[in-house]
Amino acid sequence: MTHRITATREDGTVFEVRYGYGRGRRRLLGCRHCDWQERISYGGARHKGLDHLAQAHGALGSPRMTADPAARRQTVLVMLVCCVVAAAVVWWAASQG
């Protein structure tokens, strides 16, 4: 899973729904506190996750959606590789002139 959707109950308990891709590149939501899972075909992951947390666990406060550190690292690595390749192409093109 690549993202976390969290909300807090009145007693301070934090509940979490994870969002990301499952088998076959299908987008999934899954609760870490019960067996709830849902496949989604288009947007609305944040709203569906927060709706589940509110209805099933009573968690209404401090809603947040954040990326997992592994997903952030992968994004930075891909961007770095793209920049290096672009710089090499520009350098090569400049040296041909």
PDB file of N, CA and C in Angstrom:
ATOM      1  N   MET A   1       0.839  -1.177   0.000  1.00  0.00           N
ATOM      2  CA  MET A   1       0.000   0.000   0.000  1.00  0.00           C
ATOM      3  C   MET A   1       0.885   1.241   0.000  1.00  0.00           C
ATOM      4  N   THR A   2       0.411   2.291  -0.610  1.00  0.00           N
ATOM      5  CA  THR A   2       1.251   3.471  -0.787  1.00  0.00           C
ATOM      6  C   THR A   2       0.825   4.682   0.030  1.00  0.00           C
ATOM      7  N   HIS A   3      -0.411   4.712   0.500  1.00  0.00           N
ATOM      8  CA  HIS A   3      -0.886   5.858   1.263  1.00  0.00           C
ATOM      9  C   HIS A   3      -1.632   5.396   2.510  1.00  0.00           C
ATOM     10  N   ARG A   4      -1.673   6.287   3.493  1.00  0.00           N
ATOM     11  CA  ARG A   4      -2.404   6.031   4.730  1.00  0.00           C
ATOM     12  C   ARG A   4      -3.433   7.125   4.923  1.00  0.00           C
ATOM     13  N   ILE A   5      -4.639   6.718   5.256  1.00  0.00           N
ATOM     14  CA  ILE A   5      -5.713   7.656   5.564  1.00  0.00           C
ATOM     15  C   ILE A   5      -6.039   7.437   7.035  1.00  0.00           C
ATOM     16  N   THR A   6      -5.907   8.480   7.839  1.00  0.00           N
ATOM     17  CA  THR A   6      -6.107   8.329   9.277  1.00  0.00           C
ATOM     18  C   THR A   6      -7.154   9.301   9.790  1.00  0.00           C
ATOM     19  N   ALA A   7      -7.796   8.915  10.881  1.00  0.00           N
ATOM     20  CA  ALA A   7      -8.736   9.775  11.602  1.00  0.00           C
ATOM     21  C   ALA A   7      -8.688   9.357  13.067  1.00  0.00           C
ATOM     22  N   THR A   8      -9.070  10.280  13.940  1.00  0.00           N
ATOM     23  CA  THR A   8      -8.972  10.066  15.383  1.00  0.00           C
ATOM     24  C   THR A   8     -10.360  10.037  16.010  1.00  0.00           C
ATOM     25  N   ARG A   9     -10.548   9.096  16.941  1.00  0.00           N
ATOM     26  CA  ARG A   9     -11.793   9.029  17.699  1.00  0.00           C
ATOM     27  C   ARG A   9     -11.699   9.999  18.877  1.00  0.00           C
ATOM     28  N   GLU A  10     -12.808  10.299  19.513  1.00  0.00           N
ATOM     29  CA  GLU A  10     -12.834  11.261  20.620  1.00  0.00           C
ATOM     30  C   GLU A  10     -11.906  10.890  21.768  1.00  0.00           C
ATOM     31  N   ASP A  11     -11.690   9.599  21.991  1.00  0.00           N
ATOM     32  CA  ASP A  11     -10.815   9.177  23.086  1.00  0.00           C
ATOM     33  C   ASP A  11      -9.327   9.247  22.713  1.00  0.00           C
ATOM     34  N   GLY A  12      -9.014   9.702  21.499  1.00  0.00           N
ATOM     35  CA  GLY A  12      -7.628   9.847  21.062  1.00  0.00           C
ATOM     36  C   GLY A  12      -7.079   8.680  20.270  1.00  0.00           C
ATOM     37  N   THR A  13      -7.869   7.623  20.095  1.00  0.00           N
ATOM     38  CA  THR A  13      -7.427   6.462  19.328  1.00  0.00           C
ATOM     39  C   THR A  13      -7.367   6.817  17.850  1.00  0.00           C
ATOM     40  N   VAL A  14      -6.250   6.500  17.213  1.00  0.00           N
ATOM     41  CA  VAL A  14      -6.077   6.780  15.787  1.00  0.00           C
ATOM     42  C   VAL A  14      -6.392   5.521  14.988  1.00  0.00           C
ATOM     43  N   PHE A  15      -7.228   5.668  13.977  1.00  0.00           N
ATOM     44  CA  PHE A  15      -7.591   4.563  13.102  1.00  0.00           C
ATOM     45  C   PHE A  15      -7.035   4.841  11.713  1.00  0.00           C
ATOM     46  N   GLU A  16      -6.705   3.769  10.999  1.00  0.00           N
ATOM     47  CA  GLU A  16      -6.013   3.913   9.719  1.00  0.00           C
ATOM     48  C   GLU A  16      -6.585   2.997   8.647  1.00  0.00           C
ATOM     49  N   VAL A  17      -6.747   3.563   7.448  1.00  0.00           N
ATOM     50  CA  VAL A  17      -7.086   2.810   6.249  1.00  0.00           C
ATOM     51  C   VAL A  17      -5.908   2.970   5.306  1.00  0.00           C
ATOM     52  N   ARG A  18      -5.451   1.869   4.718  1.00  0.00           N
ATOM     53  CA  ARG A  18      -4.359   1.927   3.754  1.00  0.00           C
ATOM     54  C   ARG A  18      -4.916   1.887   2.349  1.00  0.00           C
ATOM     55  N   TYR A  19      -4.226   2.602   1.463  1.00  0.00           N
ATOM     56  CA  TYR A  19      -4.669   2.729   0.086  1.00  0.00           C
ATOM     57  C   TYR A  19      -3.497   2.452  -0.840  1.00  0.00           C
ATOM     58  N   GLY A  20      -3.728   1.710  -1.891  1.00  0.00           N
ATOM     59  CA  GLY A  20      -2.669   1.424  -2.852  1.00  0.00           C
ATOM     60  C   GLY A  20      -3.142   0.418  -3.877  1.00  0.00           C
ATOM     61  N   TYR A  21      -2.192  -0.242  -4.485  1.00  0.00           N
ATOM     62  CA  TYR A  21      -2.501  -1.188  -5.552  1.00  0.00           C
ATOM     63  C   TYR A  21      -2.322  -2.615  -5.052  1.00  0.00           C
ATOM     64  N   GLY A  22      -3.271  -3.457  -5.390  1.00  0.00           N
ATOM     65  CA  GLY A  22      -3.198  -4.862  -5.041  1.00  0.00           C
ATOM     66  C   GLY A  22      -2.837  -5.688  -6.263  1.00  0.00           C
ATOM     67  N   ARG A  23      -3.189  -6.948  -6.239  1.00  0.00           N
ATOM     68  CA  ARG A  23      -2.907  -7.840  -7.371  1.00  0.00           C
ATOM     69  C   ARG A  23      -3.615  -7.347  -8.621  1.00  0.00           C
ATOM     70  N   GLY A  24      -2.954  -7.482  -9.737  1.00  0.00           N
ATOM     71  CA  GLY A  24      -3.547  -7.057 -10.994  1.00  0.00           C
ATOM     72  C   GLY A  24      -3.663  -5.553 -11.123  1.00  0.00           C
ATOM     73  N   ARG A  25      -2.881  -4.826 -10.355  1.00  0.00           N
ATOM     74  CA  ARG A  25      -2.877  -3.354 -10.373  1.00  0.00           C
ATOM     75  C   ARG A  25      -4.254  -2.770 -10.057  1.00  0.00           C
ATOM     76  N   ARG A  26      -5.025  -3.453  -9.231  1.00  0.00           N
ATOM     77  CA  ARG A  26      -6.324  -2.940  -8.819  1.00  0.00           C
ATOM     78  C   ARG A  26      -6.147  -2.076  -7.584  1.00  0.00           C
ATOM     79  N   ARG A  27      -6.815  -0.951  -7.580  1.00  0.00           N
ATOM     80  CA  ARG A  27      -6.711  -0.043  -6.443  1.00  0.00           C
ATOM     81  C   ARG A  27      -7.545  -0.570  -5.289  1.00  0.00           C
ATOM     82  N   LEU A  28      -6.926  -0.613  -4.111  1.00  0.00           N
ATOM     83  CA  LEU A  28      -7.576  -1.185  -2.942  1.00  0.00           C
ATOM     84  C   LEU A  28      -7.536  -0.236  -1.757  1.00  0.00           C
ATOM     85  N   LEU A  29      -8.580  -0.314  -0.943  1.00  0.00           N
ATOM     86  CA  LEU A  29      -8.600   0.296   0.376  1.00  0.00           C
ATOM     87  C   LEU A  29      -8.717  -0.839   1.371  1.00  0.00           C
ATOM     88  N   GLY A  30      -7.973  -0.768   2.468  1.00  0.00           N
ATOM     89  CA  GLY A  30      -8.049  -1.808   3.482  1.00  0.00           C
ATOM     90  C   GLY A  30      -7.868  -1.234   4.871  1.00  0.00           C
ATOM     91  N   CYS A  31      -8.755  -1.587   5.787  1.00  0.00           N
ATOM     92  CA  CYS A  31      -8.690  -1.092   7.165  1.00  0.00           C
ATOM     93  C   CYS A  31      -7.732  -1.950   7.977  1.00  0.00           C
ATOM     94  N   ARG A  32      -6.907  -1.312   8.786  1.00  0.00           N
ATOM     95  CA  ARG A  32      -5.963  -2.047   9.626  1.00  0.00           C
ATOM     96  C   ARG A  32      -6.606  -2.544  10.911  1.00  0.00           C
ATOM     97  N   HIS A  33      -7.859  -2.161  11.179  1.00  0.00           N
ATOM     98  CA  HIS A  33      -8.485  -2.482  12.457  1.00  0.00           C
ATOM     99  C   HIS A  33      -9.642  -3.468  12.340  1.00  0.00           C
ATOM    100  N   CYS A  34     -10.041  -3.755  11.110  1.00  0.00           N
ATOM    101  CA  CYS A  34     -11.086  -4.757  10.890  1.00  0.00           C
ATOM    102  C   CYS A  34     -10.820  -5.397   9.524  1.00  0.00           C
ATOM    103  N   ASP A  35     -11.690  -6.257   9.076  1.00  0.00           N
ATOM    104  CA  ASP A  35     -11.473  -6.988   7.824  1.00  0.00           C
ATOM    105  C   ASP A  35     -11.997  -6.255   6.592  1.00  0.00           C
ATOM    106  N   TRP A  36     -12.390  -4.992   6.721  1.00  0.00           N
ATOM    107  CA  TRP A  36     -12.973  -4.251   5.605  1.00  0.00           C
ATOM    108  C   TRP A  36     -11.948  -4.000   4.515  1.00  0.00           C
ATOM    109  N   GLN A  37     -12.328  -4.301   3.273  1.00  0.00           N
ATOM    110  CA  GLN A  37     -11.537  -3.986   2.083  1.00  0.00           C
ATOM    111  C   GLN A  37     -12.497  -3.598   0.979  1.00  0.00           C
ATOM    112  N   GLU A  38     -12.039  -2.713   0.124  1.00  0.00           N
ATOM    113  CA  GLU A  38     -12.874  -2.318  -1.007  1.00  0.00           C
ATOM    114  C   GLU A  38     -11.988  -2.017  -2.200  1.00  0.00           C
ATOM    115  N   ARG A  39     -12.379  -2.546  -3.346  1.00  0.00           N
ATOM    116  CA  ARG A  39     -11.715  -2.207  -4.600  1.00  0.00           C
ATOM    117  C   ARG A  39     -12.394  -0.969  -5.145  1.00  0.00           C
ATOM    118  N   ILE A  40     -11.594  -0.054  -5.661  1.00  0.00           N
ATOM    119  CA  ILE A  40     -12.179   1.132  -6.262  1.00  0.00           C
ATOM    120  C   ILE A  40     -11.668   1.269  -7.686  1.00  0.00           C
ATOM    121  N   SER A  41     -12.509   1.816  -8.556  1.00  0.00           N
ATOM    122  CA  SER A  41     -12.134   1.917  -9.965  1.00  0.00           C
ATOM    123  C   SER A  41     -11.716   3.331 -10.350  1.00  0.00           C
ATOM    124  N   TYR A  42     -12.090   4.310  -9.587  1.00  0.00           N
ATOM    125  CA  TYR A  42     -11.694   5.692  -9.870  1.00  0.00           C
ATOM    126  C   TYR A  42     -11.685   6.471  -8.565  1.00  0.00           C
ATOM    127  N   GLY A  43     -11.366   7.755  -8.604  1.00  0.00           N
ATOM    128  CA  GLY A  43     -11.165   8.620  -7.445  1.00  0.00           C
ATOM    129  C   GLY A  43     -12.088   8.379  -6.261  1.00  0.00           C
ATOM    130  N   GLY A  44     -11.874   9.133  -5.236  1.00  0.00           N
ATOM    131  CA  GLY A  44     -12.705   9.040  -4.055  1.00  0.00           C
ATOM    132  C   GLY A  44     -12.143   8.173  -2.960  1.00  0.00           C
ATOM    133  N   ALA A  45     -10.887   7.754  -3.067  1.00  0.00           N
ATOM    134  CA  ALA A  45     -10.293   6.876  -2.056  1.00  0.00           C
ATOM    135  C   ALA A  45     -10.294   7.542  -0.678  1.00  0.00           C
ATOM    136  N   ARG A  46      -9.916   8.812  -0.629  1.00  0.00           N
ATOM    137  CA  ARG A  46      -9.853   9.513   0.653  1.00  0.00           C
ATOM    138  C   ARG A  46     -11.240   9.568   1.300  1.00  0.00           C
ATOM    139  N   HIS A  47     -12.258   9.920   0.508  1.00  0.00           N
ATOM    140  CA  HIS A  47     -13.606  10.029   1.060  1.00  0.00           C
ATOM    141  C   HIS A  47     -14.152   8.675   1.496  1.00  0.00           C
ATOM    142  N   LYS A  48     -13.915   7.635   0.697  1.00  0.00           N
ATOM    143  CA  LYS A  48     -14.392   6.304   1.078  1.00  0.00           C
ATOM    144  C   LYS A  48     -13.690   5.808   2.334  1.00  0.00           C
ATOM    145  N   GLY A  49     -12.379   6.058   2.421  1.00  0.00           N
ATOM    146  CA  GLY A  49     -11.640   5.652   3.614  1.00  0.00           C
ATOM    147  C   GLY A  49     -12.114   6.378   4.857  1.00  0.00           C
ATOM    148  N   LEU A  50     -12.301   7.693   4.748  1.00  0.00           N
ATOM    149  CA  LEU A  50     -12.775   8.467   5.897  1.00  0.00           C
ATOM    150  C   LEU A  50     -14.203   8.099   6.269  1.00  0.00           C
ATOM    151  N   ASP A  51     -15.040   7.808   5.278  1.00  0.00           N
ATOM    152  CA  ASP A  51     -16.404   7.360   5.571  1.00  0.00           C
ATOM    153  C   ASP A  51     -16.390   6.061   6.360  1.00  0.00           C
ATOM    154  N   HIS A  52     -15.527   5.124   5.971  1.00  0.00           N
ATOM    155  CA  HIS A  52     -15.436   3.861   6.709  1.00  0.00           C
ATOM    156  C   HIS A  52     -14.989   4.111   8.144  1.00  0.00           C
ATOM    157  N   LEU A  53     -13.953   4.926   8.321  1.00  0.00           N
ATOM    158  CA  LEU A  53     -13.451   5.196   9.670  1.00  0.00           C
ATOM    159  C   LEU A  53     -14.518   5.842  10.542  1.00  0.00           C
ATOM    160  N   ALA A  54     -15.310   6.732   9.967  1.00  0.00           N
ATOM    161  CA  ALA A  54     -16.365   7.400  10.729  1.00  0.00           C
ATOM    162  C   ALA A  54     -17.502   6.440  11.080  1.00  0.00           C
ATOM    163  N   GLN A  55     -17.951   5.659  10.092  1.00  0.00           N
ATOM    164  CA  GLN A  55     -19.105   4.795  10.315  1.00  0.00           C
ATOM    165  C   GLN A  55     -18.772   3.560  11.143  1.00  0.00           C
ATOM    166  N   ALA A  56     -17.651   2.916  10.858  1.00  0.00           N
ATOM    167  CA  ALA A  56     -17.328   1.654  11.535  1.00  0.00           C
ATOM    168  C   ALA A  56     -16.621   1.853  12.866  1.00  0.00           C
ATOM    169  N   HIS A  57     -15.850   2.938  12.988  1.00  0.00           N
ATOM    170  CA  HIS A  57     -15.026   3.107  14.189  1.00  0.00           C
ATOM    171  C   HIS A  57     -15.306   4.398  14.947  1.00  0.00           C
ATOM    172  N   GLY A  58     -16.170   5.253  14.430  1.00  0.00           N
ATOM    173  CA  GLY A  58     -16.490   6.510  15.102  1.00  0.00           C
ATOM    174  C   GLY A  58     -15.339   7.506  15.102  1.00  0.00           C
ATOM    175  N   ALA A  59     -14.423   7.353  14.159  1.00  0.00           N
ATOM    176  CA  ALA A  59     -13.255   8.234  14.092  1.00  0.00           C
ATOM    177  C   ALA A  59     -13.551   9.377  13.129  1.00  0.00           C
ATOM    178  N   LEU A  60     -13.783  10.569  13.675  1.00  0.00           N
ATOM    179  CA  LEU A  60     -14.160  11.722  12.870  1.00  0.00           C
ATOM    180  C   LEU A  60     -13.110  12.820  12.860  1.00  0.00           C
ATOM    181  N   GLY A  61     -12.244  12.865  13.860  1.00  0.00           N
ATOM    182  CA  GLY A  61     -11.334  13.991  14.021  1.00  0.00           C
ATOM    183  C   GLY A  61     -10.005  13.839  13.307  1.00  0.00           C
ATOM    184  N   SER A  62      -9.385  14.962  12.992  1.00  0.00           N
ATOM    185  CA  SER A  62      -8.044  15.062  12.403  1.00  0.00           C
ATOM    186  C   SER A  62      -7.837  14.161  11.191  1.00  0.00           C
ATOM    187  N   PRO A  63      -8.675  14.276  10.155  1.00  0.00           N
ATOM    188  CA  PRO A  63      -8.480  13.426   8.974  1.00  0.00           C
ATOM    189  C   PRO A  63      -7.217  13.815   8.216  1.00  0.00           C
ATOM    190  N   ARG A  64      -6.433  12.807   7.821  1.00  0.00           N
ATOM    191  CA  ARG A  64      -5.193  13.036   7.073  1.00  0.00           C
ATOM    192  C   ARG A  64      -4.981  11.929   6.062  1.00  0.00           C
ATOM    193  N   MET A  65      -4.308  12.278   4.953  1.00  0.00           N
ATOM    194  CA  MET A  65      -3.869  11.285   3.978  1.00  0.00           C
ATOM    195  C   MET A  65      -2.400  11.562   3.699  1.00  0.00           C
ATOM    196  N   THR A  66      -1.550  10.575   3.945  1.00  0.00           N
ATOM    197  CA  THR A  66      -0.109  10.755   3.764  1.00  0.00           C
ATOM    198  C   THR A  66       0.465   9.600   2.962  1.00  0.00           C
ATOM    199  N   ALA A  67       1.590   9.857   2.321  1.00  0.00           N
ATOM    200  CA  ALA A  67       2.287   8.820   1.560  1.00  0.00           C
ATOM    201  C   ALA A  67       3.218   8.048   2.482  1.00  0.00           C
ATOM    202  N   ASP A  68       3.347   6.756   2.249  1.00  0.00           N
ATOM    203  CA  ASP A  68       4.296   5.940   2.999  1.00  0.00           C
ATOM    204  C   ASP A  68       5.719   6.343   2.615  1.00  0.00           C
ATOM    205  N   PRO A  69       6.677   6.231   3.541  1.00  0.00           N
ATOM    206  CA  PRO A  69       8.070   6.575   3.236  1.00  0.00           C
ATOM    207  C   PRO A  69       8.637   5.803   2.043  1.00  0.00           C
ATOM    208  N   ALA A  70       8.298   4.545   1.887  1.00  0.00           N
ATOM    209  CA  ALA A  70       8.808   3.754   0.754  1.00  0.00           C
ATOM    210  C   ALA A  70       8.306   4.322  -0.573  1.00  0.00           C
ATOM    211  N   ALA A  71       7.057   4.769  -0.613  1.00  0.00           N
ATOM    212  CA  ALA A  71       6.510   5.359  -1.837  1.00  0.00           C
ATOM    213  C   ALA A  71       7.210   6.682  -2.142  1.00  0.00           C
ATOM    214  N   ARG A  72       7.486   7.466  -1.099  1.00  0.00           N
ATOM    215  CA  ARG A  72       8.210   8.726  -1.310  1.00  0.00           C
ATOM    216  C   ARG A  72       9.604   8.480  -1.852  1.00  0.00           C
ATOM    217  N   ARG A  73      10.318   7.507  -1.261  1.00  0.00           N
ATOM    218  CA  ARG A  73      11.673   7.187  -1.724  1.00  0.00           C
ATOM    219  C   ARG A  73      11.667   6.739  -3.185  1.00  0.00           C
ATOM    220  N   GLN A  74      10.711   5.916  -3.548  1.00  0.00           N
ATOM    221  CA  GLN A  74      10.626   5.436  -4.924  1.00  0.00           C
ATOM    222  C   GLN A  74      10.375   6.600  -5.882  1.00  0.00           C
ATOM    223  N   THR A  75       9.506   7.519  -5.516  1.00  0.00           N
ATOM    224  CA  THR A  75       9.227   8.678  -6.358  1.00  0.00           C
ATOM    225  C   THR A  75      10.462   9.543  -6.537  1.00  0.00           C
ATOM    226  N   VAL A  76      11.188   9.798  -5.452  1.00  0.00           N
ATOM    227  CA  VAL A  76      12.407  10.611  -5.530  1.00  0.00           C
ATOM    228  C   VAL A  76      13.448   9.917  -6.401  1.00  0.00           C
ATOM    229  N   LEU A  77      13.599   8.607  -6.260  1.00  0.00           N
ATOM    230  CA  LEU A  77      14.571   7.864  -7.057  1.00  0.00           C
ATOM    231  C   LEU A  77      14.234   7.941  -8.554  1.00  0.00           C
ATOM    232  N   VAL A  78      12.975   7.770  -8.905  1.00  0.00           N
ATOM    233  CA  VAL A  78      12.566   7.844 -10.306  1.00  0.00           C
ATOM    234  C   VAL A  78      12.817   9.241 -10.860  1.00  0.00           C
ATOM    235  N   MET A  79      12.496  10.260 -10.085  1.00  0.00           N
ATOM    236  CA  MET A  79      12.740  11.636 -10.543  1.00  0.00           C
ATOM    237  C   MET A  79      14.230  11.901 -10.728  1.00  0.00           C
ATOM    238  N   LEU A  80      15.059  11.398  -9.827  1.00  0.00           N
ATOM    239  CA  LEU A  80      16.505  11.575  -9.922  1.00  0.00           C
ATOM    240  C   LEU A  80      17.055  10.911 -11.184  1.00  0.00           C
ATOM    241  N   VAL A  81      16.630   9.690 -11.460  1.00  0.00           N
ATOM    242  CA  VAL A  81      17.074   8.976 -12.664  1.00  0.00           C
ATOM    243  C   VAL A  81      16.657   9.744 -13.922  1.00  0.00           C
ATOM    244  N   CYS A  82      15.434  10.240 -13.953  1.00  0.00           N
ATOM    245  CA  CYS A  82      14.964  11.013 -15.117  1.00  0.00           C
ATOM    246  C   CYS A  82      15.811  12.268 -15.318  1.00  0.00           C
ATOM    247  N   CYS A  83      16.151  12.963 -14.238  1.00  0.00           N
ATOM    248  CA  CYS A  83      16.982  14.170 -14.345  1.00  0.00           C
ATOM    249  C   CYS A  83      18.381  13.834 -14.848  1.00  0.00           C
ATOM    250  N   VAL A  84      18.954  12.734 -14.376  1.00  0.00           N
ATOM    251  CA  VAL A  84      20.286  12.327 -14.822  1.00  0.00           C
ATOM    252  C   VAL A  84      20.268  11.985 -16.310  1.00  0.00           C
ATOM    253  N   VAL A  85      19.262  11.257 -16.750  1.00  0.00           N
ATOM    254  CA  VAL A  85      19.152  10.908 -18.169  1.00  0.00           C
ATOM    255  C   VAL A  85      18.969  12.170 -19.007  1.00  0.00           C
ATOM    256  N   ALA A  86      18.119  13.096 -18.565  1.00  0.00           N
ATOM    257  CA  ALA A  86      17.905  14.340 -19.303  1.00  0.00           C
ATOM    258  C   ALA A  86      19.196  15.155 -19.383  1.00  0.00           C
ATOM    259  N   ALA A  87      19.941  15.218 -18.281  1.00  0.00           N
ATOM    260  CA  ALA A  87      21.205  15.959 -18.285  1.00  0.00           C
ATOM    261  C   ALA A  87      22.208  15.312 -19.248  1.00  0.00           C
ATOM    262  N   ALA A  88      22.255  13.988 -19.281  1.00  0.00           N
ATOM    263  CA  ALA A  88      23.169  13.292 -20.189  1.00  0.00           C
ATOM    264  C   ALA A  88      22.795  13.561 -21.644  1.00  0.00           C
ATOM    265  N   VAL A  89      21.516  13.587 -21.955  1.00  0.00           N
ATOM    266  CA  VAL A  89      21.065  13.866 -23.319  1.00  0.00           C
ATOM    267  C   VAL A  89      21.422  15.296 -23.708  1.00  0.00           C
ATOM    268  N   VAL A  90      21.208  16.241 -22.820  1.00  0.00           N
ATOM    269  CA  VAL A  90      21.548  17.641 -23.104  1.00  0.00           C
ATOM    270  C   VAL A  90      23.056  17.782 -23.290  1.00  0.00           C
ATOM    271  N   TRP A  91      23.834  17.152 -22.414  1.00  0.00           N
ATOM    272  CA  TRP A  91      25.295  17.223 -22.537  1.00  0.00           C
ATOM    273  C   TRP A  91      25.753  16.623 -23.867  1.00  0.00           C
ATOM    274  N   TRP A  92      25.201  15.463 -24.237  1.00  0.00           N
ATOM    275  CA  TRP A  92      25.553  14.823 -25.498  1.00  0.00           C
ATOM    276  C   TRP A  92      25.183  15.717 -26.685  1.00  0.00           C
ATOM    277  N   ALA A  93      23.990  16.295 -26.675  1.00  0.00           N
ATOM    278  CA  ALA A  93      23.549  17.159 -27.767  1.00  0.00           C
ATOM    279  C   ALA A  93      24.441  18.403 -27.881  1.00  0.00           C
ATOM    280  N   ALA A  94      24.847  18.953 -26.744  1.00  0.00           N
ATOM    281  CA  ALA A  94      25.711  20.133 -26.758  1.00  0.00           C
ATOM    282  C   ALA A  94      27.112  19.797 -27.288  1.00  0.00           C
ATOM    283  N   SER A  95      27.580  18.609 -27.014  1.00  0.00           N
ATOM    284  CA  SER A  95      28.924  18.240 -27.464  1.00  0.00           C
ATOM    285  C   SER A  95      28.960  17.891 -28.950  1.00  0.00           C
ATOM    286  N   GLN A  96      27.798  17.640 -29.556  1.00  0.00           N
ATOM    287  CA  GLN A  96      27.741  17.333 -30.984  1.00  0.00           C
ATOM    288  C   GLN A  96      27.799  18.586 -31.848  1.00  0.00           C
ATOM    289  N   GLY A  97      27.513  19.720 -31.264  1.00  0.00           N
ATOM    290  CA  GLY A  97      27.403  20.971 -32.015  1.00  0.00           C
ATOM    291  C   GLY A  97      28.676  21.574 -32.371  1.00  0.00           C
TER     292      GLY A  97
END
